[in-house]
């Protein structure tokens, strides 16, 4: 691999730039607390999916096929739009009092649903994100030594990107979990929910432009 340090710095900068992943993690962490970590697990699954796809050479095929690329782009935009509208229109907010009032069985079922939902949102949004495909096609090749094993380098670069993104978002979840105390009021929760909804809709629209 060429210029590994430069790659790590740029990967960190890309991870820290606000985007769809950041908004989803903010939404799920401030709604469900530390369960927002499952969004990160889903995001890591999506990045792993594209790393494997790149190694198999399918990512090149996708970018060279306007039809396949557009399918991913429009499905991804539709999914973000769906999440945004859903967040914007939701009327219920999660409160500590409501959780404590539930039976233990209800709490377990609710927690499992939130785990699953957070994970799937992170995974699906990354798998259907055309910008993720472009990272593996335009960004990573700049740091590959053509005299070495290309597939091994792609796996290593993909793993580094995933670990950096996971590390940054774990820090973000930790910070956001402490900020939740400022959003205990229903009005604050509702305002935040609508704001994240608008941002997700905006990212969905931006995807197809």
N, C-alpha and C. Protein backbone atom coordinates (compact mmCIF):
# COMPACT_ATOMS: atom_id res chain seq x y z
N UNK A 1 0.84 -1.20 0.00
CA UNK A 1 0.00 0.00 0.00
C UNK A 1 0.87 1.25 0.00
N UNK A 2 0.43 2.25 -0.74
CA UNK A 2 1.17 3.51 -0.81
C UNK A 2 0.53 4.56 0.11
N UNK A 3 1.40 5.36 0.79
CA UNK A 3 0.93 6.49 1.60
C UNK A 3 -0.15 6.09 2.59
N UNK A 4 0.14 5.08 3.41
CA UNK A 4 -0.85 4.57 4.36
C UNK A 4 -1.28 5.64 5.35
N UNK A 5 -0.33 6.46 5.82
CA UNK A 5 -0.67 7.51 6.79
C UNK A 5 -1.65 8.51 6.18
N UNK A 6 -1.41 8.89 4.92
CA UNK A 6 -2.32 9.82 4.24
C UNK A 6 -3.71 9.21 4.10
N UNK A 7 -3.75 7.91 3.81
CA UNK A 7 -5.04 7.22 3.68
C UNK A 7 -5.80 7.24 5.01
N UNK A 8 -5.09 6.96 6.11
CA UNK A 8 -5.73 6.94 7.43
C UNK A 8 -6.29 8.32 7.77
N UNK A 9 -5.52 9.37 7.51
CA UNK A 9 -5.97 10.73 7.81
C UNK A 9 -7.20 11.09 6.98
N UNK A 10 -7.19 10.75 5.69
CA UNK A 10 -8.32 11.07 4.82
C UNK A 10 -9.54 10.23 5.18
N UNK A 11 -9.33 8.98 5.56
CA UNK A 11 -10.45 8.12 5.98
C UNK A 11 -11.10 8.67 7.25
N UNK A 12 -10.27 9.18 8.16
CA UNK A 12 -10.79 9.78 9.40
C UNK A 12 -11.59 11.03 9.08
N UNK A 13 -11.09 11.85 8.17
CA UNK A 13 -11.79 13.08 7.79
C UNK A 13 -13.13 12.76 7.14
N UNK A 14 -13.16 11.74 6.27
CA UNK A 14 -14.41 11.34 5.63
C UNK A 14 -15.42 10.83 6.65
N UNK A 15 -14.94 10.10 7.65
CA UNK A 15 -15.82 9.55 8.68
C UNK A 15 -16.41 10.66 9.55
N UNK A 16 -15.60 11.71 9.80
CA UNK A 16 -16.04 12.78 10.68
C UNK A 16 -16.95 13.79 10.00
N UNK A 17 -16.91 13.82 8.65
CA UNK A 17 -17.80 14.75 7.95
C UNK A 17 -19.26 14.34 8.16
N UNK A 18 -20.13 15.27 8.55
CA UNK A 18 -21.54 14.93 8.77
C UNK A 18 -22.18 14.38 7.51
N UNK A 19 -22.88 13.28 7.68
CA UNK A 19 -23.56 12.65 6.54
C UNK A 19 -24.71 11.79 7.03
N UNK A 20 -25.16 10.88 6.19
CA UNK A 20 -26.29 10.02 6.54
C UNK A 20 -26.01 9.20 7.79
N UNK A 21 -24.82 8.59 7.87
CA UNK A 21 -24.48 7.77 9.04
C UNK A 21 -24.55 8.59 10.32
N UNK A 22 -24.00 9.81 10.27
CA UNK A 22 -24.00 10.68 11.45
C UNK A 22 -25.42 10.98 11.91
N UNK A 23 -26.30 11.30 10.96
CA UNK A 23 -27.68 11.65 11.31
C UNK A 23 -28.41 10.44 11.89
N UNK A 24 -28.23 9.26 11.27
CA UNK A 24 -28.89 8.06 11.78
C UNK A 24 -28.42 7.71 13.19
N UNK A 25 -27.12 7.81 13.42
CA UNK A 25 -26.57 7.50 14.74
C UNK A 25 -27.05 8.52 15.77
N UNK A 26 -27.12 9.78 15.39
CA UNK A 26 -27.65 10.81 16.29
C UNK A 26 -29.10 10.50 16.64
N UNK A 27 -29.89 10.21 15.62
CA UNK A 27 -31.32 9.93 15.83
C UNK A 27 -31.53 8.74 16.76
N UNK A 28 -30.85 7.64 16.48
CA UNK A 28 -31.07 6.42 17.25
C UNK A 28 -30.47 6.50 18.65
N UNK A 29 -29.35 7.20 18.79
CA UNK A 29 -28.74 7.33 20.12
C UNK A 29 -29.57 8.23 21.02
N UNK A 30 -30.02 9.35 20.48
CA UNK A 30 -30.82 10.27 21.30
C UNK A 30 -32.22 9.74 21.57
N UNK A 31 -32.69 8.81 20.73
CA UNK A 31 -33.99 8.19 20.98
C UNK A 31 -33.88 6.99 21.91
N UNK A 32 -32.86 6.16 21.69
CA UNK A 32 -32.77 4.88 22.40
C UNK A 32 -31.56 4.75 23.31
N UNK A 33 -30.74 5.78 23.40
CA UNK A 33 -29.56 5.70 24.25
C UNK A 33 -28.43 4.94 23.58
N UNK A 34 -27.68 4.16 24.38
CA UNK A 34 -26.50 3.46 23.87
C UNK A 34 -26.85 2.43 22.80
N UNK A 35 -28.14 2.15 22.61
CA UNK A 35 -28.54 1.22 21.54
C UNK A 35 -28.15 1.77 20.16
N UNK A 36 -27.78 3.05 20.13
CA UNK A 36 -27.31 3.62 18.88
C UNK A 36 -26.07 2.91 18.36
N UNK A 37 -25.40 2.16 19.25
CA UNK A 37 -24.23 1.40 18.82
C UNK A 37 -24.59 0.35 17.76
N UNK A 38 -25.83 -0.10 17.80
CA UNK A 38 -26.24 -1.11 16.82
C UNK A 38 -26.34 -0.51 15.42
N UNK A 39 -26.55 0.79 15.33
CA UNK A 39 -26.51 1.46 14.04
C UNK A 39 -25.08 1.39 13.48
N UNK A 40 -24.10 1.53 14.37
CA UNK A 40 -22.69 1.44 13.96
C UNK A 40 -22.38 0.03 13.47
N UNK A 41 -22.93 -0.98 14.16
CA UNK A 41 -22.72 -2.36 13.73
C UNK A 41 -23.30 -2.58 12.34
N UNK A 42 -24.47 -2.00 12.10
CA UNK A 42 -25.08 -2.10 10.77
C UNK A 42 -24.23 -1.39 9.72
N UNK A 43 -23.71 -0.22 10.08
CA UNK A 43 -22.85 0.53 9.16
C UNK A 43 -21.60 -0.28 8.82
N UNK A 44 -21.01 -0.92 9.83
CA UNK A 44 -19.82 -1.75 9.60
C UNK A 44 -20.14 -2.94 8.69
N UNK A 45 -21.34 -3.48 8.84
CA UNK A 45 -21.79 -4.57 7.97
C UNK A 45 -21.87 -4.09 6.52
N UNK A 46 -22.41 -2.88 6.33
CA UNK A 46 -22.51 -2.32 4.98
C UNK A 46 -21.15 -2.10 4.35
N UNK A 47 -20.19 -1.58 5.12
CA UNK A 47 -18.84 -1.36 4.62
C UNK A 47 -18.15 -2.69 4.30
N UNK A 48 -18.39 -3.69 5.14
CA UNK A 48 -17.82 -5.02 4.88
C UNK A 48 -18.39 -5.60 3.60
N UNK A 49 -19.69 -5.38 3.39
CA UNK A 49 -20.35 -5.86 2.17
C UNK A 49 -19.67 -5.27 0.93
N UNK A 50 -19.38 -3.96 0.96
CA UNK A 50 -18.76 -3.32 -0.20
C UNK A 50 -17.29 -3.68 -0.33
N UNK A 51 -16.62 -4.00 0.78
CA UNK A 51 -15.24 -4.47 0.69
C UNK A 51 -15.18 -5.81 -0.04
N UNK A 52 -16.08 -6.72 0.33
CA UNK A 52 -16.15 -8.03 -0.33
C UNK A 52 -16.52 -7.86 -1.79
N UNK A 53 -17.47 -6.95 -2.04
CA UNK A 53 -17.90 -6.69 -3.42
C UNK A 53 -16.75 -6.16 -4.26
N UNK A 54 -15.94 -5.27 -3.67
CA UNK A 54 -14.80 -4.70 -4.39
C UNK A 54 -13.77 -5.78 -4.71
N UNK A 55 -13.53 -6.67 -3.75
CA UNK A 55 -12.55 -7.75 -3.95
C UNK A 55 -13.01 -8.68 -5.07
N UNK A 56 -14.32 -8.91 -5.14
CA UNK A 56 -14.87 -9.79 -6.18
C UNK A 56 -14.94 -9.09 -7.54
N UNK A 57 -14.69 -7.77 -7.54
CA UNK A 57 -14.71 -7.02 -8.80
C UNK A 57 -16.09 -6.54 -9.20
N UNK A 58 -17.09 -6.80 -8.35
CA UNK A 58 -18.46 -6.43 -8.72
C UNK A 58 -18.70 -4.93 -8.64
N UNK A 59 -17.94 -4.25 -7.77
CA UNK A 59 -18.14 -2.81 -7.63
C UNK A 59 -17.77 -2.08 -8.92
N UNK A 60 -16.76 -2.59 -9.63
CA UNK A 60 -16.39 -1.99 -10.91
C UNK A 60 -17.50 -2.18 -11.93
N UNK A 61 -18.07 -3.38 -11.91
CA UNK A 61 -19.17 -3.69 -12.83
C UNK A 61 -20.35 -2.75 -12.57
N UNK A 62 -20.63 -2.53 -11.27
CA UNK A 62 -21.77 -1.68 -10.90
C UNK A 62 -21.57 -0.25 -11.37
N UNK A 63 -20.36 0.29 -11.17
CA UNK A 63 -20.12 1.68 -11.56
C UNK A 63 -20.08 1.84 -13.08
N UNK A 64 -19.75 0.76 -13.80
CA UNK A 64 -19.71 0.84 -15.26
C UNK A 64 -21.09 0.59 -15.88
N UNK A 65 -22.01 0.10 -15.07
CA UNK A 65 -23.37 -0.13 -15.56
C UNK A 65 -24.27 0.99 -15.03
N UNK A 66 -24.70 1.86 -15.90
CA UNK A 66 -25.57 2.98 -15.50
C UNK A 66 -26.85 2.45 -14.86
N UNK A 67 -27.38 1.37 -15.40
CA UNK A 67 -28.63 0.80 -14.90
C UNK A 67 -28.49 0.33 -13.46
N UNK A 68 -27.45 -0.49 -13.18
CA UNK A 68 -27.26 -1.02 -11.82
C UNK A 68 -26.94 0.10 -10.84
N UNK A 69 -26.11 1.04 -11.27
CA UNK A 69 -25.75 2.15 -10.39
C UNK A 69 -26.98 2.98 -10.04
N UNK A 70 -27.83 3.23 -11.03
CA UNK A 70 -29.05 4.01 -10.79
C UNK A 70 -30.02 3.28 -9.88
N UNK A 71 -30.08 1.94 -10.01
CA UNK A 71 -30.95 1.16 -9.13
C UNK A 71 -30.53 1.37 -7.67
N UNK A 72 -29.21 1.24 -7.41
CA UNK A 72 -28.70 1.44 -6.06
C UNK A 72 -28.96 2.87 -5.59
N UNK A 73 -28.72 3.83 -6.48
CA UNK A 73 -28.89 5.24 -6.13
C UNK A 73 -30.33 5.56 -5.76
N UNK A 74 -31.28 5.12 -6.58
CA UNK A 74 -32.68 5.47 -6.32
C UNK A 74 -33.28 4.68 -5.16
N UNK A 75 -32.86 3.42 -5.00
CA UNK A 75 -33.32 2.66 -3.84
C UNK A 75 -32.79 3.29 -2.56
N UNK A 76 -31.52 3.71 -2.58
CA UNK A 76 -30.94 4.36 -1.41
C UNK A 76 -31.64 5.67 -1.09
N UNK A 77 -31.93 6.46 -2.12
CA UNK A 77 -32.62 7.73 -1.92
C UNK A 77 -34.02 7.50 -1.36
N UNK A 78 -34.71 6.49 -1.90
CA UNK A 78 -36.07 6.17 -1.44
C UNK A 78 -36.06 5.74 0.03
N UNK A 79 -35.04 4.95 0.40
CA UNK A 79 -34.95 4.48 1.78
C UNK A 79 -34.70 5.64 2.75
N UNK A 80 -33.80 6.53 2.37
CA UNK A 80 -33.52 7.70 3.22
C UNK A 80 -34.76 8.59 3.32
N UNK A 81 -35.46 8.74 2.20
CA UNK A 81 -36.68 9.55 2.20
C UNK A 81 -37.72 8.93 3.13
N UNK A 82 -37.82 7.60 3.08
CA UNK A 82 -38.76 6.88 3.95
C UNK A 82 -38.42 7.10 5.42
N UNK A 83 -37.14 6.94 5.76
CA UNK A 83 -36.71 7.14 7.14
C UNK A 83 -36.95 8.57 7.59
N UNK A 84 -36.71 9.53 6.69
CA UNK A 84 -36.91 10.93 7.03
C UNK A 84 -38.36 11.27 7.29
N UNK A 85 -39.24 10.81 6.40
CA UNK A 85 -40.68 11.06 6.57
C UNK A 85 -41.19 10.39 7.84
N UNK A 86 -40.71 9.17 8.08
CA UNK A 86 -41.13 8.44 9.28
C UNK A 86 -40.70 9.18 10.55
N UNK A 87 -39.45 9.67 10.56
CA UNK A 87 -38.96 10.40 11.73
C UNK A 87 -39.72 11.72 11.90
N UNK A 88 -40.01 12.39 10.78
CA UNK A 88 -40.68 13.69 10.84
C UNK A 88 -42.12 13.55 11.34
N UNK A 89 -42.80 12.49 10.94
CA UNK A 89 -44.22 12.34 11.26
C UNK A 89 -44.47 11.61 12.58
N UNK A 90 -43.42 11.01 13.16
CA UNK A 90 -43.65 10.26 14.40
C UNK A 90 -44.16 11.19 15.50
N UNK A 91 -45.10 10.69 16.27
CA UNK A 91 -45.71 11.51 17.32
C UNK A 91 -45.22 11.11 18.71
N UNK A 92 -44.77 9.87 18.84
CA UNK A 92 -44.37 9.40 20.16
C UNK A 92 -42.90 9.64 20.41
N UNK A 93 -42.55 9.91 21.64
CA UNK A 93 -41.16 10.07 22.05
C UNK A 93 -40.88 9.09 23.17
N UNK A 94 -39.63 8.70 23.29
CA UNK A 94 -39.25 7.72 24.30
C UNK A 94 -38.91 8.44 25.59
N UNK A 95 -39.57 8.09 26.65
CA UNK A 95 -39.28 8.72 27.94
C UNK A 95 -38.87 7.66 28.95
N UNK A 96 -38.04 8.06 29.93
CA UNK A 96 -37.59 7.14 30.95
C UNK A 96 -38.76 6.64 31.78
N UNK A 97 -39.72 7.50 32.05
CA UNK A 97 -40.87 7.11 32.84
C UNK A 97 -41.68 6.03 32.14
N UNK A 98 -41.83 6.16 30.83
CA UNK A 98 -42.61 5.18 30.09
C UNK A 98 -41.92 3.83 30.09
N UNK A 99 -40.61 3.83 29.99
CA UNK A 99 -39.86 2.57 30.00
C UNK A 99 -39.97 1.89 31.35
N UNK A 100 -39.85 2.68 32.41
CA UNK A 100 -39.91 2.12 33.76
C UNK A 100 -41.29 1.57 34.06
N UNK A 101 -42.32 2.11 33.43
CA UNK A 101 -43.69 1.67 33.68
C UNK A 101 -44.00 0.35 32.98
N UNK A 102 -43.20 -0.02 32.00
CA UNK A 102 -43.43 -1.25 31.25
C UNK A 102 -43.05 -2.46 32.09
N UNK A 103 -43.65 -3.60 31.72
CA UNK A 103 -43.28 -4.85 32.36
C UNK A 103 -41.93 -5.30 31.85
N UNK A 104 -41.20 -6.17 32.59
CA UNK A 104 -39.89 -6.64 32.12
C UNK A 104 -39.95 -7.27 30.72
N UNK A 105 -41.02 -8.02 30.45
CA UNK A 105 -41.16 -8.65 29.14
C UNK A 105 -41.30 -7.61 28.04
N UNK A 106 -42.07 -6.56 28.30
CA UNK A 106 -42.26 -5.50 27.32
C UNK A 106 -40.96 -4.76 27.06
N UNK A 107 -40.17 -4.57 28.13
CA UNK A 107 -38.90 -3.89 27.99
C UNK A 107 -37.96 -4.69 27.10
N UNK A 108 -37.92 -6.03 27.31
CA UNK A 108 -37.06 -6.89 26.50
C UNK A 108 -37.48 -6.86 25.05
N UNK A 109 -38.80 -6.96 24.80
CA UNK A 109 -39.30 -6.94 23.43
C UNK A 109 -39.02 -5.61 22.76
N UNK A 110 -39.20 -4.52 23.50
CA UNK A 110 -38.96 -3.19 22.96
C UNK A 110 -37.48 -3.00 22.65
N UNK A 111 -36.62 -3.48 23.55
CA UNK A 111 -35.18 -3.35 23.34
C UNK A 111 -34.74 -4.11 22.10
N UNK A 112 -35.26 -5.34 21.94
CA UNK A 112 -34.89 -6.14 20.78
C UNK A 112 -35.31 -5.45 19.49
N UNK A 113 -36.51 -4.85 19.50
CA UNK A 113 -37.00 -4.15 18.31
C UNK A 113 -36.10 -2.97 17.98
N UNK A 114 -35.67 -2.25 19.00
CA UNK A 114 -34.80 -1.09 18.77
C UNK A 114 -33.41 -1.52 18.30
N UNK A 115 -32.90 -2.63 18.86
CA UNK A 115 -31.61 -3.17 18.39
C UNK A 115 -31.69 -3.49 16.91
N UNK A 116 -32.72 -4.25 16.55
CA UNK A 116 -32.89 -4.70 15.17
C UNK A 116 -33.09 -3.53 14.22
N UNK A 117 -33.93 -2.58 14.62
CA UNK A 117 -34.22 -1.43 13.77
C UNK A 117 -32.98 -0.57 13.56
N UNK A 118 -32.23 -0.33 14.63
CA UNK A 118 -31.02 0.49 14.53
C UNK A 118 -29.99 -0.19 13.63
N UNK A 119 -29.83 -1.50 13.80
CA UNK A 119 -28.86 -2.25 13.00
C UNK A 119 -29.23 -2.21 11.52
N UNK A 120 -30.50 -2.50 11.21
CA UNK A 120 -30.93 -2.54 9.82
C UNK A 120 -30.82 -1.18 9.14
N UNK A 121 -31.12 -0.11 9.88
CA UNK A 121 -30.99 1.22 9.29
C UNK A 121 -29.55 1.51 8.90
N UNK A 122 -28.60 1.16 9.78
CA UNK A 122 -27.20 1.38 9.47
C UNK A 122 -26.72 0.54 8.30
N UNK A 123 -27.15 -0.73 8.25
CA UNK A 123 -26.71 -1.64 7.19
C UNK A 123 -27.31 -1.27 5.84
N UNK A 124 -28.62 -1.09 5.79
CA UNK A 124 -29.30 -0.82 4.53
C UNK A 124 -28.88 0.52 3.93
N UNK A 125 -28.74 1.54 4.79
CA UNK A 125 -28.36 2.86 4.27
C UNK A 125 -26.96 2.84 3.66
N UNK A 126 -26.07 1.99 4.18
CA UNK A 126 -24.72 1.90 3.62
C UNK A 126 -24.68 1.04 2.36
N UNK A 127 -25.42 -0.05 2.37
CA UNK A 127 -25.45 -0.93 1.20
C UNK A 127 -26.07 -0.22 0.00
N UNK A 128 -27.06 0.64 0.27
CA UNK A 128 -27.75 1.33 -0.81
C UNK A 128 -27.22 2.75 -1.04
N UNK A 129 -26.02 3.02 -0.53
CA UNK A 129 -25.43 4.35 -0.70
C UNK A 129 -24.44 4.33 -1.87
N UNK A 130 -24.77 4.97 -3.00
CA UNK A 130 -23.86 4.96 -4.16
C UNK A 130 -22.53 5.63 -3.88
N UNK A 131 -22.49 6.54 -2.90
CA UNK A 131 -21.24 7.21 -2.58
C UNK A 131 -20.24 6.24 -1.95
N UNK A 132 -20.77 5.23 -1.24
CA UNK A 132 -19.89 4.21 -0.68
C UNK A 132 -19.22 3.42 -1.79
N UNK A 133 -19.98 3.13 -2.85
CA UNK A 133 -19.41 2.42 -4.00
C UNK A 133 -18.26 3.23 -4.59
N UNK A 134 -18.47 4.52 -4.73
CA UNK A 134 -17.46 5.39 -5.35
C UNK A 134 -16.20 5.48 -4.51
N UNK A 135 -16.34 5.36 -3.18
CA UNK A 135 -15.16 5.37 -2.32
C UNK A 135 -14.24 4.21 -2.68
N UNK A 136 -14.83 3.05 -2.93
CA UNK A 136 -14.04 1.86 -3.25
C UNK A 136 -13.50 1.89 -4.68
N UNK A 137 -14.08 2.71 -5.53
CA UNK A 137 -13.67 2.75 -6.94
C UNK A 137 -12.71 3.92 -7.22
N UNK A 138 -12.94 5.05 -6.58
CA UNK A 138 -12.14 6.24 -6.90
C UNK A 138 -11.13 6.62 -5.82
N UNK A 139 -11.47 6.35 -4.55
CA UNK A 139 -10.61 6.77 -3.45
C UNK A 139 -9.54 5.72 -3.11
N UNK A 140 -9.98 4.49 -2.86
CA UNK A 140 -9.05 3.44 -2.44
C UNK A 140 -7.96 3.11 -3.46
N UNK A 141 -8.29 3.03 -4.76
CA UNK A 141 -7.25 2.68 -5.74
C UNK A 141 -6.03 3.60 -5.74
N UNK A 142 -6.21 4.85 -5.26
CA UNK A 142 -5.09 5.78 -5.22
C UNK A 142 -4.01 5.34 -4.24
N UNK A 143 -4.36 4.44 -3.32
CA UNK A 143 -3.42 4.01 -2.29
C UNK A 143 -3.00 2.55 -2.46
N UNK A 144 -3.29 1.98 -3.62
CA UNK A 144 -2.94 0.59 -3.89
C UNK A 144 -1.65 0.50 -4.71
N UNK A 145 -0.75 -0.36 -4.26
CA UNK A 145 0.50 -0.63 -4.98
C UNK A 145 0.21 -1.71 -6.02
N UNK A 146 0.26 -1.35 -7.28
CA UNK A 146 -0.08 -2.27 -8.36
C UNK A 146 0.89 -3.44 -8.46
N UNK A 147 2.05 -3.30 -7.82
CA UNK A 147 3.02 -4.40 -7.85
C UNK A 147 2.72 -5.46 -6.78
N UNK A 148 1.79 -5.12 -5.88
CA UNK A 148 1.43 -6.06 -4.82
C UNK A 148 0.12 -6.77 -5.12
N UNK A 149 -0.37 -7.52 -4.13
CA UNK A 149 -1.63 -8.24 -4.27
C UNK A 149 -2.79 -7.25 -4.08
N UNK A 150 -3.49 -6.96 -5.16
CA UNK A 150 -4.56 -5.95 -5.13
C UNK A 150 -5.68 -6.32 -4.17
N UNK A 151 -6.11 -7.57 -4.19
CA UNK A 151 -7.21 -8.00 -3.33
C UNK A 151 -6.86 -7.89 -1.86
N UNK A 152 -5.64 -8.30 -1.50
CA UNK A 152 -5.22 -8.19 -0.10
C UNK A 152 -5.20 -6.73 0.35
N UNK A 153 -4.75 -5.86 -0.53
CA UNK A 153 -4.70 -4.44 -0.19
C UNK A 153 -6.09 -3.85 -0.06
N UNK A 154 -7.01 -4.27 -0.92
CA UNK A 154 -8.40 -3.80 -0.83
C UNK A 154 -9.02 -4.22 0.50
N UNK A 155 -8.75 -5.46 0.90
CA UNK A 155 -9.28 -5.96 2.18
C UNK A 155 -8.70 -5.15 3.33
N UNK A 156 -7.39 -4.89 3.31
CA UNK A 156 -6.75 -4.13 4.38
C UNK A 156 -7.26 -2.69 4.43
N UNK A 157 -7.38 -2.06 3.26
CA UNK A 157 -7.87 -0.67 3.21
C UNK A 157 -9.33 -0.60 3.67
N UNK A 158 -10.14 -1.59 3.25
CA UNK A 158 -11.53 -1.63 3.67
C UNK A 158 -11.66 -1.83 5.16
N UNK A 159 -10.80 -2.69 5.72
CA UNK A 159 -10.81 -2.95 7.16
C UNK A 159 -10.40 -1.70 7.94
N UNK A 160 -9.37 -1.02 7.44
CA UNK A 160 -8.92 0.22 8.10
C UNK A 160 -10.03 1.27 8.10
N UNK A 161 -10.69 1.44 6.95
CA UNK A 161 -11.78 2.41 6.85
C UNK A 161 -12.91 2.06 7.81
N UNK A 162 -13.25 0.78 7.88
CA UNK A 162 -14.32 0.34 8.78
C UNK A 162 -13.97 0.58 10.24
N UNK A 163 -12.74 0.24 10.63
CA UNK A 163 -12.31 0.42 12.02
C UNK A 163 -12.28 1.90 12.40
N UNK A 164 -11.81 2.74 11.48
CA UNK A 164 -11.77 4.18 11.76
C UNK A 164 -13.18 4.74 11.92
N UNK A 165 -14.08 4.35 11.02
CA UNK A 165 -15.47 4.83 11.09
C UNK A 165 -16.14 4.35 12.38
N UNK A 166 -15.94 3.07 12.72
CA UNK A 166 -16.54 2.51 13.94
C UNK A 166 -16.00 3.23 15.17
N UNK A 167 -14.68 3.46 15.21
CA UNK A 167 -14.08 4.15 16.35
C UNK A 167 -14.64 5.55 16.53
N UNK A 168 -14.74 6.30 15.43
CA UNK A 168 -15.25 7.66 15.51
C UNK A 168 -16.71 7.68 15.96
N UNK A 169 -17.52 6.79 15.40
CA UNK A 169 -18.94 6.80 15.74
C UNK A 169 -19.21 6.28 17.16
N UNK A 170 -18.35 5.40 17.67
CA UNK A 170 -18.48 4.98 19.07
C UNK A 170 -18.25 6.17 20.01
N UNK A 171 -17.28 7.00 19.66
CA UNK A 171 -17.03 8.22 20.44
C UNK A 171 -18.25 9.14 20.37
N UNK A 172 -18.82 9.25 19.16
CA UNK A 172 -20.00 10.10 18.97
C UNK A 172 -21.19 9.59 19.78
N UNK A 173 -21.40 8.27 19.79
CA UNK A 173 -22.49 7.69 20.58
C UNK A 173 -22.28 7.97 22.06
N UNK A 174 -21.05 7.84 22.52
CA UNK A 174 -20.74 8.10 23.94
C UNK A 174 -21.09 9.54 24.31
N UNK A 175 -20.70 10.49 23.45
CA UNK A 175 -20.97 11.90 23.72
C UNK A 175 -22.47 12.19 23.66
N UNK A 176 -23.14 11.63 22.65
CA UNK A 176 -24.57 11.88 22.48
C UNK A 176 -25.39 11.28 23.63
N UNK A 177 -24.93 10.15 24.15
CA UNK A 177 -25.66 9.51 25.25
C UNK A 177 -25.66 10.41 26.48
N UNK A 178 -24.61 11.22 26.63
CA UNK A 178 -24.55 12.15 27.76
C UNK A 178 -25.36 13.42 27.49
N UNK A 179 -25.60 13.70 26.20
CA UNK A 179 -26.37 14.89 25.84
C UNK A 179 -27.87 14.64 25.99
N UNK A 180 -28.25 13.38 26.07
CA UNK A 180 -29.68 13.03 26.14
C UNK A 180 -30.42 13.73 27.28
N UNK A 181 -29.70 14.01 28.38
CA UNK A 181 -30.36 14.62 29.54
C UNK A 181 -30.92 16.00 29.20
N UNK A 182 -30.35 16.64 28.14
CA UNK A 182 -30.85 17.96 27.74
C UNK A 182 -32.08 17.83 26.86
N UNK A 183 -32.40 16.63 26.44
CA UNK A 183 -33.54 16.42 25.53
C UNK A 183 -34.64 15.59 26.17
N UNK A 184 -34.74 15.64 27.48
CA UNK A 184 -35.76 14.85 28.16
C UNK A 184 -37.16 15.42 27.96
N UNK A 185 -37.23 16.74 27.72
CA UNK A 185 -38.54 17.36 27.55
C UNK A 185 -39.15 16.91 26.21
N UNK A 186 -40.45 16.57 26.22
CA UNK A 186 -41.11 16.12 25.00
C UNK A 186 -40.97 17.10 23.83
N UNK A 187 -41.01 18.41 24.12
CA UNK A 187 -40.89 19.41 23.06
C UNK A 187 -39.51 19.33 22.40
N UNK A 188 -38.47 19.15 23.22
CA UNK A 188 -37.11 19.05 22.69
C UNK A 188 -36.96 17.80 21.85
N UNK A 189 -37.52 16.68 22.34
CA UNK A 189 -37.46 15.42 21.60
C UNK A 189 -38.18 15.54 20.26
N UNK A 190 -39.33 16.17 20.30
CA UNK A 190 -40.12 16.33 19.07
C UNK A 190 -39.39 17.20 18.05
N UNK A 191 -38.78 18.29 18.52
CA UNK A 191 -38.04 19.18 17.63
C UNK A 191 -36.85 18.47 17.01
N UNK A 192 -36.15 17.67 17.83
CA UNK A 192 -35.00 16.94 17.31
C UNK A 192 -35.44 15.89 16.28
N UNK A 193 -36.54 15.19 16.60
CA UNK A 193 -37.05 14.16 15.70
C UNK A 193 -37.38 14.75 14.34
N UNK A 194 -38.04 15.88 14.34
CA UNK A 194 -38.41 16.51 13.07
C UNK A 194 -37.17 17.03 12.32
N UNK A 195 -36.20 17.52 13.07
CA UNK A 195 -34.97 18.02 12.45
C UNK A 195 -34.21 16.90 11.75
N UNK A 196 -34.08 15.75 12.43
CA UNK A 196 -33.40 14.61 11.81
C UNK A 196 -34.19 14.09 10.61
N UNK A 197 -35.51 14.16 10.71
CA UNK A 197 -36.35 13.75 9.59
C UNK A 197 -36.08 14.60 8.36
N UNK A 198 -36.02 15.91 8.56
CA UNK A 198 -35.75 16.84 7.45
C UNK A 198 -34.37 16.58 6.86
N UNK A 199 -33.36 16.33 7.72
CA UNK A 199 -32.00 16.08 7.24
C UNK A 199 -31.93 14.80 6.41
N UNK A 200 -32.61 13.74 6.87
CA UNK A 200 -32.61 12.48 6.13
C UNK A 200 -33.29 12.64 4.77
N UNK A 201 -34.41 13.38 4.76
CA UNK A 201 -35.09 13.65 3.49
C UNK A 201 -34.16 14.43 2.57
N UNK A 202 -33.43 15.40 3.14
CA UNK A 202 -32.49 16.19 2.36
C UNK A 202 -31.38 15.33 1.76
N UNK A 203 -30.85 14.38 2.56
CA UNK A 203 -29.81 13.49 2.04
C UNK A 203 -30.37 12.58 0.95
N UNK A 204 -31.63 12.18 1.12
CA UNK A 204 -32.27 11.35 0.08
C UNK A 204 -32.39 12.09 -1.23
N UNK A 205 -32.81 13.35 -1.16
CA UNK A 205 -32.95 14.18 -2.36
C UNK A 205 -31.58 14.43 -2.98
N UNK A 206 -30.59 14.70 -2.12
CA UNK A 206 -29.23 14.98 -2.61
C UNK A 206 -28.63 13.78 -3.33
N UNK A 207 -29.02 12.58 -2.91
CA UNK A 207 -28.48 11.35 -3.51
C UNK A 207 -28.82 11.24 -4.98
N UNK A 208 -30.03 11.71 -5.36
CA UNK A 208 -30.46 11.53 -6.75
C UNK A 208 -30.13 12.74 -7.61
N UNK A 209 -29.61 13.79 -7.02
CA UNK A 209 -29.25 14.99 -7.81
C UNK A 209 -27.87 14.83 -8.42
